[in-house]
Protein backbone atom coordinates (compact mmCIF):
# COMPACT_ATOMS: atom_id res chain seq x y z
CA MET A 1 21.86 -46.32 29.17
CA ARG A 2 18.81 -46.37 31.49
CA SER A 3 20.39 -43.51 33.49
CA LEU A 4 20.37 -41.07 30.50
CA THR A 5 18.37 -37.99 31.27
CA ARG A 6 19.27 -35.88 28.11
CA LEU A 7 19.38 -36.99 24.61
CA GLY A 8 20.12 -34.90 21.64
CA ALA A 9 19.45 -36.17 18.15
CA ASN A 10 18.56 -33.19 16.21
CA GLU A 11 19.58 -32.43 12.72
CA ASN A 12 20.13 -35.85 11.52
CA HIS A 13 18.21 -37.79 8.99
CA LEU A 14 16.21 -39.96 11.13
CA ASN A 15 13.18 -41.28 9.43
CA GLU A 16 11.79 -43.03 12.57
CA LEU A 17 12.04 -43.14 16.28
CA PRO A 18 12.99 -46.75 17.39
CA LYS A 19 10.30 -48.22 19.77
CA GLU A 20 13.22 -49.16 22.13
CA ILE A 21 13.21 -45.40 23.29
CA GLN A 22 10.77 -46.74 25.76
CA HIS A 23 13.79 -48.00 28.02
CA LEU A 24 14.97 -44.62 28.55
CA THR A 25 12.68 -44.07 31.43
CA ASN A 26 14.94 -41.37 33.29
CA LEU A 27 15.01 -39.20 30.16
CA GLN A 28 14.15 -35.66 30.85
CA LEU A 29 15.05 -33.96 27.55
CA LEU A 30 14.47 -35.28 24.24
CA ASP A 31 15.44 -33.13 21.17
CA LEU A 32 14.54 -34.49 17.71
CA ARG A 33 14.48 -31.29 15.80
CA PHE A 34 15.44 -31.21 12.17
CA ASN A 35 14.87 -34.68 11.08
CA ARG A 36 12.56 -36.69 8.85
CA LEU A 37 10.16 -38.16 11.26
CA SER A 38 6.61 -38.57 9.89
CA THR A 39 5.44 -40.44 13.06
CA LEU A 40 6.30 -41.30 16.68
CA PRO A 41 5.94 -44.76 18.16
CA PRO A 42 3.31 -45.18 21.05
CA GLU A 43 6.02 -46.13 23.27
CA ILE A 44 7.28 -42.53 23.57
CA GLY A 45 4.15 -42.58 26.23
CA LYS A 46 6.58 -44.62 28.49
CA LEU A 47 9.03 -41.64 29.08
CA THR A 48 7.18 -40.49 32.24
CA ALA A 49 10.17 -38.56 33.43
CA LEU A 50 10.22 -36.28 30.26
CA LYS A 51 10.23 -32.51 30.89
CA LYS A 52 11.17 -31.13 27.57
CA LEU A 53 10.35 -32.55 24.07
CA PHE A 54 11.19 -30.85 20.84
CA LEU A 55 9.94 -32.24 17.69
CA ARG A 56 9.90 -28.88 15.53
CA PHE A 57 11.01 -29.19 11.84
CA ASN A 58 10.05 -32.61 11.08
CA LYS A 59 7.39 -34.11 8.76
CA LEU A 60 5.04 -35.27 11.51
CA VAL A 61 1.32 -35.98 10.24
CA LYS A 62 0.35 -37.52 13.75
CA ILE A 63 1.05 -37.30 17.36
CA PRO A 64 0.11 -40.58 19.36
CA ASP A 65 -2.36 -40.49 22.14
CA GLU A 66 0.02 -41.79 24.51
CA ILE A 67 1.63 -38.48 24.58
CA GLY A 68 -0.94 -37.75 27.20
CA ASN A 69 0.96 -39.90 29.67
CA LEU A 70 3.77 -37.48 29.98
CA LYS A 71 2.45 -35.58 32.94
CA LEU A 72 5.79 -33.96 33.94
CA LEU A 73 6.07 -32.44 30.30
CA GLU A 74 6.83 -28.75 30.75
CA VAL A 75 7.83 -27.71 27.19
CA PHE A 76 6.27 -29.42 24.22
CA SER A 77 7.28 -27.87 20.80
CA VAL A 78 5.79 -29.44 17.61
CA ARG A 79 6.07 -26.35 15.21
CA ASN A 80 6.80 -26.61 11.40
CA ASN A 81 5.36 -30.06 10.94
CA ARG A 82 2.44 -31.48 8.83
CA LEU A 83 -0.04 -31.94 11.62
CA ALA A 84 -3.78 -31.50 11.09
CA LEU A 85 -4.82 -32.18 14.77
CA ILE A 86 -3.40 -32.27 18.21
CA PRO A 87 -4.71 -35.49 20.26
CA ASP A 88 -7.21 -34.59 22.97
CA THR A 89 -4.79 -36.25 25.69
CA VAL A 90 -2.62 -33.24 25.49
CA SER A 91 -5.18 -31.66 27.60
CA ASN A 92 -3.55 -34.04 30.35
CA LEU A 93 -0.29 -32.29 30.18
CA VAL A 94 -1.12 -30.18 33.31
CA ASN A 95 2.68 -29.13 34.05
CA LEU A 96 3.20 -27.51 30.54
CA GLU A 97 4.70 -24.26 30.56
CA ILE A 98 5.24 -23.83 26.87
CA LEU A 99 3.08 -25.05 24.17
CA ASP A 100 4.10 -24.33 20.52
CA VAL A 101 2.29 -25.87 17.56
CA GLN A 102 2.71 -22.97 15.03
CA HIS A 103 3.37 -23.62 11.33
CA ASN A 104 1.04 -26.65 11.05
CA GLN A 105 -2.34 -27.38 9.39
CA ILE A 106 -4.41 -27.56 12.82
CA SER A 107 -7.99 -26.54 12.42
CA HIS A 108 -8.96 -27.61 16.19
CA MET A 109 -7.01 -27.50 19.40
CA PRO A 110 -7.86 -29.78 22.44
CA PRO A 111 -9.05 -27.92 25.70
CA VAL A 112 -6.15 -26.12 27.60
CA SER A 113 -8.12 -25.26 30.71
CA ASP A 114 -6.21 -27.45 33.01
CA MET A 115 -2.75 -26.12 31.79
CA LEU A 116 -2.61 -23.53 34.51
CA LYS A 117 1.06 -23.32 34.65
CA LEU A 118 1.11 -22.14 30.97
CA THR A 119 3.21 -18.89 30.12
CA SER A 120 3.43 -19.26 26.32
CA LEU A 121 1.04 -20.56 23.88
CA ASP A 122 1.68 -20.48 20.36
CA VAL A 123 -0.81 -21.35 17.67
CA GLN A 124 0.08 -19.17 14.71
CA TYR A 125 0.11 -19.94 11.25
CA ASN A 126 -2.67 -22.67 11.28
CA CYS A 127 -6.26 -23.01 10.29
CA LEU A 128 -8.13 -22.15 13.59
CA GLN A 129 -11.40 -20.56 13.49
CA ALA A 130 -11.57 -20.37 17.28
CA LEU A 131 -9.38 -20.27 20.27
CA PRO A 132 -8.65 -23.37 22.30
CA GLU A 133 -11.41 -23.96 24.84
CA GLY A 134 -10.39 -22.82 28.37
CA VAL A 135 -7.72 -20.44 27.51
CA TRP A 136 -9.34 -17.82 29.50
CA ASN A 137 -8.12 -19.87 32.57
CA LEU A 138 -4.51 -19.39 31.83
CA THR A 139 -3.72 -16.64 34.34
CA LYS A 140 -0.17 -17.07 34.12
CA LEU A 141 -0.10 -16.43 30.46
CA THR A 142 2.32 -14.01 29.14
CA GLY A 143 2.48 -14.55 25.47
CA LEU A 144 -0.38 -15.41 23.23
CA HIS A 145 0.65 -15.95 19.55
CA VAL A 146 -2.49 -16.49 17.25
CA LYS A 147 -1.07 -14.86 14.00
CA TYR A 148 -2.51 -15.95 10.74
CA ASN A 149 -5.52 -18.14 11.36
CA GLN A 150 -8.94 -17.67 10.71
CA ILE A 151 -10.54 -16.28 14.00
CA LYS A 152 -13.15 -13.76 13.59
CA GLU A 153 -13.61 -12.39 17.29
CA ILE A 154 -11.41 -12.17 20.56
CA PRO A 155 -13.94 -13.51 23.11
CA SER A 156 -14.30 -11.14 25.98
CA ASN A 157 -13.92 -13.34 28.75
CA LEU A 158 -10.51 -14.32 27.39
CA LEU A 159 -9.08 -11.01 28.39
CA LEU A 160 -10.54 -10.85 31.88
CA ASN A 161 -8.21 -13.06 33.78
CA MET A 162 -5.07 -12.36 31.82
CA GLY A 163 -3.62 -9.51 33.67
CA GLY A 164 -0.15 -10.82 33.27
CA LEU A 165 -0.31 -10.94 29.44
CA GLU A 166 2.57 -9.00 28.06
CA GLU A 167 2.35 -9.86 24.15
CA LEU A 168 -0.80 -10.39 22.25
CA ASP A 169 -0.63 -11.42 18.48
CA PHE A 170 -3.70 -11.49 16.33
CA GLU A 171 -2.26 -10.26 13.20
CA GLY A 172 -3.47 -11.75 9.89
CA ASN A 173 -7.04 -13.14 11.30
CA LYS A 174 -10.54 -11.86 10.34
CA LEU A 175 -11.17 -9.45 13.43
CA CYS A 176 -13.66 -6.79 12.82
CA ASP A 177 -13.81 -5.50 16.54
CA ILE A 178 -11.73 -5.07 19.56
CA PRO A 179 -13.50 -5.84 22.83
CA ALA A 180 -13.72 -3.11 25.45
CA GLN A 181 -12.36 -5.78 27.87
CA MET A 182 -8.93 -5.32 26.37
CA GLN A 183 -8.35 -2.80 29.15
CA SER A 184 -8.18 -5.60 31.40
CA LEU A 185 -4.58 -6.20 30.09
CA LYS A 186 -2.78 -4.16 32.34
CA SER A 187 0.59 -5.71 31.67
CA LEU A 188 0.38 -5.68 27.90
CA LYS A 189 3.36 -4.51 26.05
CA LYS A 190 3.10 -5.63 22.58
CA LEU A 191 -0.07 -5.83 20.51
CA TYR A 192 -0.42 -6.96 17.04
CA ILE A 193 -3.44 -6.69 15.40
CA SER A 194 -2.46 -5.83 11.77
CA ARG A 195 -4.07 -7.27 8.93
CA ASN A 196 -7.44 -7.74 10.06
CA ASN A 197 -10.89 -5.77 9.23
CA ILE A 198 -10.72 -3.44 12.26
CA SER A 199 -12.43 -0.13 11.81
CA ASP A 200 -12.37 1.55 15.14
CA PHE A 201 -11.31 0.98 18.83
CA PRO A 202 -13.55 1.02 22.10
CA ALA A 203 -12.99 4.11 24.35
CA GLU A 204 -11.46 1.76 26.96
CA PHE A 205 -8.42 1.05 24.58
CA GLY A 206 -6.62 4.12 25.63
CA SER A 207 -6.41 2.70 29.24
CA LEU A 208 -3.68 0.29 28.06
CA ARG A 209 -0.84 2.36 29.81
CA CYS A 210 1.92 -0.04 29.27
CA VAL A 211 1.63 -0.64 25.57
CA GLU A 212 5.16 0.04 23.99
CA GLU A 213 4.41 -1.41 20.63
CA LEU A 214 1.30 -1.23 18.58
CA TYR A 215 0.75 -2.75 15.22
CA ILE A 216 -2.43 -1.73 13.52
CA ASN A 217 -1.45 -1.50 9.95
CA ASP A 218 -3.57 -2.81 6.97
CA ASN A 219 -6.94 -2.34 8.63
CA ASN A 220 -9.96 0.10 8.02
CA ILE A 221 -9.06 2.45 10.81
CA SER A 222 -9.87 5.97 10.45
CA SER A 223 -9.35 7.63 13.68
CA LEU A 224 -6.28 7.52 16.34
CA ALA A 225 -8.33 9.21 19.13
CA GLU A 226 -8.09 6.35 21.53
CA ILE A 227 -4.35 5.78 20.58
CA VAL A 228 -3.18 9.21 21.61
CA ASN A 229 -3.74 8.17 25.37
CA LEU A 230 -1.14 5.33 25.12
CA SER A 231 1.62 7.45 26.68
CA THR A 232 4.27 4.45 26.85
CA LEU A 233 3.92 3.79 23.12
CA ARG A 234 7.39 3.56 21.54
CA VAL A 235 6.49 1.93 18.09
CA LEU A 236 3.30 2.67 16.10
CA ASN A 237 2.67 1.12 12.48
CA MET A 238 -0.51 2.58 11.30
CA SER A 239 -0.03 2.29 7.55
CA ASN A 240 -2.45 1.12 4.92
CA ASN A 241 -5.66 2.36 6.89
CA ASN A 242 -8.27 5.13 6.23
CA ILE A 243 -6.51 7.85 8.44
CA MET A 244 -6.92 11.12 6.60
CA GLU A 245 -5.45 13.32 9.51
CA LEU A 246 -3.73 13.02 12.70
CA PRO A 247 -5.17 14.18 15.95
CA ARG A 248 -3.01 17.14 17.54
CA GLU A 249 -2.98 14.86 20.70
CA ILE A 250 -0.51 12.69 19.14
CA THR A 251 2.18 14.85 20.36
CA ARG A 252 1.69 13.50 23.68
CA LEU A 253 3.39 10.37 22.54
CA SER A 254 6.67 11.84 23.64
CA VAL A 255 8.73 8.71 23.71
CA LEU A 256 7.56 7.51 20.19
CA ARG A 257 10.61 6.31 18.35
CA VAL A 258 9.30 4.42 15.34
CA ILE A 259 6.44 5.50 13.17
CA ALA A 260 5.13 3.87 10.03
CA MET A 261 2.47 5.37 8.17
CA PHE A 262 1.24 6.77 4.66
CA ILE A 263 3.64 9.10 2.93
CA ALA A 264 0.79 11.51 2.51
CA LEU A 265 0.71 12.10 6.40
CA LEU A 266 4.38 13.24 6.54
CA LYS A 267 3.60 17.10 6.11
CA GLU A 268 1.08 17.01 8.99
CA MET A 269 3.30 14.76 11.10
CA ILE A 270 6.35 16.96 10.86
CA CYS A 271 4.31 20.38 11.35
CA LEU A 272 2.64 18.85 14.57
CA MET A 273 5.82 17.59 16.00
CA SER A 274 7.80 20.80 15.17
CA SER A 275 5.24 23.05 16.70
CA GLU A 276 5.16 20.96 19.95
CA GLY A 277 9.09 21.23 20.09
CA PHE A 278 9.81 17.53 20.23
CA SER A 279 13.41 16.78 21.54
CA SER A 280 13.82 13.07 20.79
CA SER A 281 14.90 11.31 17.52
CA PHE A 282 12.63 9.56 15.11
CA LEU A 283 12.60 6.78 12.73
CA LEU A 284 10.04 7.33 10.03
CA GLY A 285 9.17 4.41 7.98
CA PHE A 286 6.81 4.73 4.91
CA ASP A 287 5.43 1.87 2.98
CA THR A 288 3.82 3.36 -0.03
CA ASN A 289 3.83 6.24 -2.53
CA PRO A 290 6.71 8.39 -3.89
CA PHE A 291 8.04 10.88 -1.64
CA HIS A 292 6.71 14.26 -2.62
CA SER A 293 8.14 17.90 -1.95
CA HIS A 294 7.69 19.38 1.40
CA LYS A 295 10.40 21.51 3.31
CA PHE A 296 11.55 19.66 6.39
CA ARG A 297 11.39 21.84 9.48
CA LEU A 298 12.09 18.95 11.90
CA ALA A 299 15.94 19.05 11.93
CA ILE A 300 15.91 16.86 15.05
CA ILE A 301 15.39 13.56 13.01
CA GLN A 302 18.41 11.46 13.45
CA GLU A 303 17.16 8.36 11.32
CA LEU A 304 15.11 8.26 8.10
CA ASN A 305 13.87 4.77 6.65
CA PHE A 306 12.48 4.93 3.10
CA GLY A 307 13.62 1.69 2.09
CA ALA A 308 11.55 -0.80 -0.10
CA ASN A 309 9.31 1.88 -1.57
CA TYR A 310 8.89 3.37 -5.15
CA LEU A 311 10.94 6.58 -4.60
CA LYS A 312 12.28 7.89 -8.14
CA HIS A 313 13.47 11.38 -6.55
CA LEU A 314 14.75 12.61 -3.45
CA ILE A 315 13.54 16.28 -2.37
CA PRO A 316 16.54 18.80 -1.99
CA GLU A 317 15.16 19.86 1.37
CA ILE A 318 16.44 16.87 2.83
CA GLY A 319 19.65 18.61 3.05
CA ALA A 320 18.11 20.62 5.94
CA LEU A 321 18.37 17.69 8.41
CA LYS A 322 21.79 18.60 9.85
CA ASN A 323 21.33 16.05 12.61
CA LEU A 324 20.52 13.07 10.27
CA THR A 325 23.00 10.25 11.05
CA HIS A 326 21.13 7.25 9.23
CA LEU A 327 19.43 7.55 5.83
CA GLU A 328 18.08 4.18 4.36
CA LEU A 329 17.17 4.60 0.53
CA ASN A 330 17.54 0.89 -0.17
CA ASP A 331 15.49 -1.07 -2.56
CA ASN A 332 13.85 1.76 -4.55
CA ALA A 333 13.93 3.20 -8.03
CA LEU A 334 16.13 6.12 -7.65
CA GLU A 335 17.00 8.05 -10.73
CA ASP A 336 19.20 10.67 -9.01
CA ILE A 337 20.31 12.00 -5.78
CA PRO A 338 20.09 15.50 -4.97
CA THR A 339 23.60 17.44 -4.51
CA GLU A 340 22.00 18.88 -1.32
CA ILE A 341 22.49 15.33 0.29
CA ALA A 342 26.20 16.63 0.72
CA ASP A 343 24.83 19.08 3.29
CA LEU A 344 24.06 16.01 5.83
CA VAL A 345 27.12 16.62 7.94
CA SER A 346 26.10 14.30 10.65
CA LEU A 347 25.38 11.59 8.13
CA GLN A 348 27.30 8.35 9.28
CA VAL A 349 25.27 5.59 7.22
CA LEU A 350 23.90 5.93 3.82
CA ASN A 351 22.17 2.88 2.33
CA LEU A 352 21.74 2.76 -1.53
CA GLU A 353 21.58 -0.94 -1.78
CA GLY A 354 19.33 -2.04 -4.69
CA THR A 355 18.59 1.26 -5.72
CA LEU A 356 19.85 0.68 -9.37
CA LEU A 357 21.48 4.38 -9.60
CA LEU A 358 22.79 4.92 -13.08
CA PRO A 359 26.60 5.41 -13.08
CA MET A 360 26.58 9.14 -13.88
CA ALA A 361 23.97 9.80 -10.96
CA PHE A 362 26.52 7.71 -8.44
CA ILE A 363 29.45 9.66 -9.93
CA GLY A 364 27.60 12.90 -9.29
CA LEU A 365 26.78 11.80 -5.65
CA CYS A 366 30.24 10.93 -5.05
CA PHE A 367 31.47 14.37 -6.44
CA SER A 368 29.13 16.35 -4.38
CA LEU A 369 30.27 14.45 -1.09
CA VAL A 370 33.96 15.29 -1.99
CA LEU A 371 33.25 18.80 -2.70
CA SER A 372 31.44 19.27 0.58
CA ILE A 373 34.42 17.72 2.32
CA LEU A 374 36.72 20.17 0.67
CA ILE A 375 34.43 23.21 1.44
CA MET A 376 34.14 22.08 5.17
CA PHE A 377 38.00 21.75 5.24
CA VAL A 378 38.64 25.23 3.67
CA GLN A 379 36.20 26.81 6.06
CA GLU A 380 38.13 25.19 8.95
CA ILE A 381 41.28 26.82 7.79
CA ASN A 382 39.87 30.08 7.53
């Protein structure tokens, strides 16, 4: 078996990897995912032809220093283990393109300054208080995932050489500020900075002209002044902030498709979009607070998502949304459904899962729908 180049031993019940593995010197791919390994033999360092090593979903508490001998390694994945540290010898893996250590207990990472081929670095769900040293040298990086660590700032020099970065995820850290150098990320498409302590954005933030998805929910943001310049924005989650009003310029975001915000801002958003004559469909998702009465004037809405809220009642004015095709009301506390829902002549999907509707309310809903169909039938005959 010395000529073996690929070995897939994933999803077994392996408790240990035999040291005889060292004899498979032509091995290029070793897949040990979903086993019960707690350690690796030092002999794994003899597999110098290895290019891809998958160790995710084991019980590893330690990686041997000999891992640094695998100089040809391109993909190294040890996510979902029990590692408290990554050995410094990992810095020797200069051909790495993907380094994935997410979902461990790592508090410190070795330098990555020599991993110049790295395109994806995933350290999310660990205990890091700082990014790995030398991460600013990774000019080929397209994805940097740092979600749910304990990082307090984004180093300004981190951003200057990352013009090719497309996805940046700092959700669930301790950020208070966004550096002005963020404008250097000319290729950035997805930015996740929700669940931090951010209160505002630098003026330069508006120059990110490629951003398509922006998640800023659960911060202390009070103004969207810089965000209205993000002309390519399709998805905006701004819920659970201190935003009291929407700037009229938000109507510049003509390609916006998904909006999540406080229900209290609904009236203002509808009025703004109606007055500007939007011609696109919107999916409006609301996280908190019951839906309160306001007459819809935005008949172009095609999809509404009120799922997983605290709704007890739905306003009758919803019947005015003649173009509505999808209505998600799942996982609420609805006590009744207005008969006007039968006026939604374009409705194709109605999700009432987990709403705990009383039997009589459900019967009333069915009766309204049947009656609406009969009326339409009679109208067509006449």
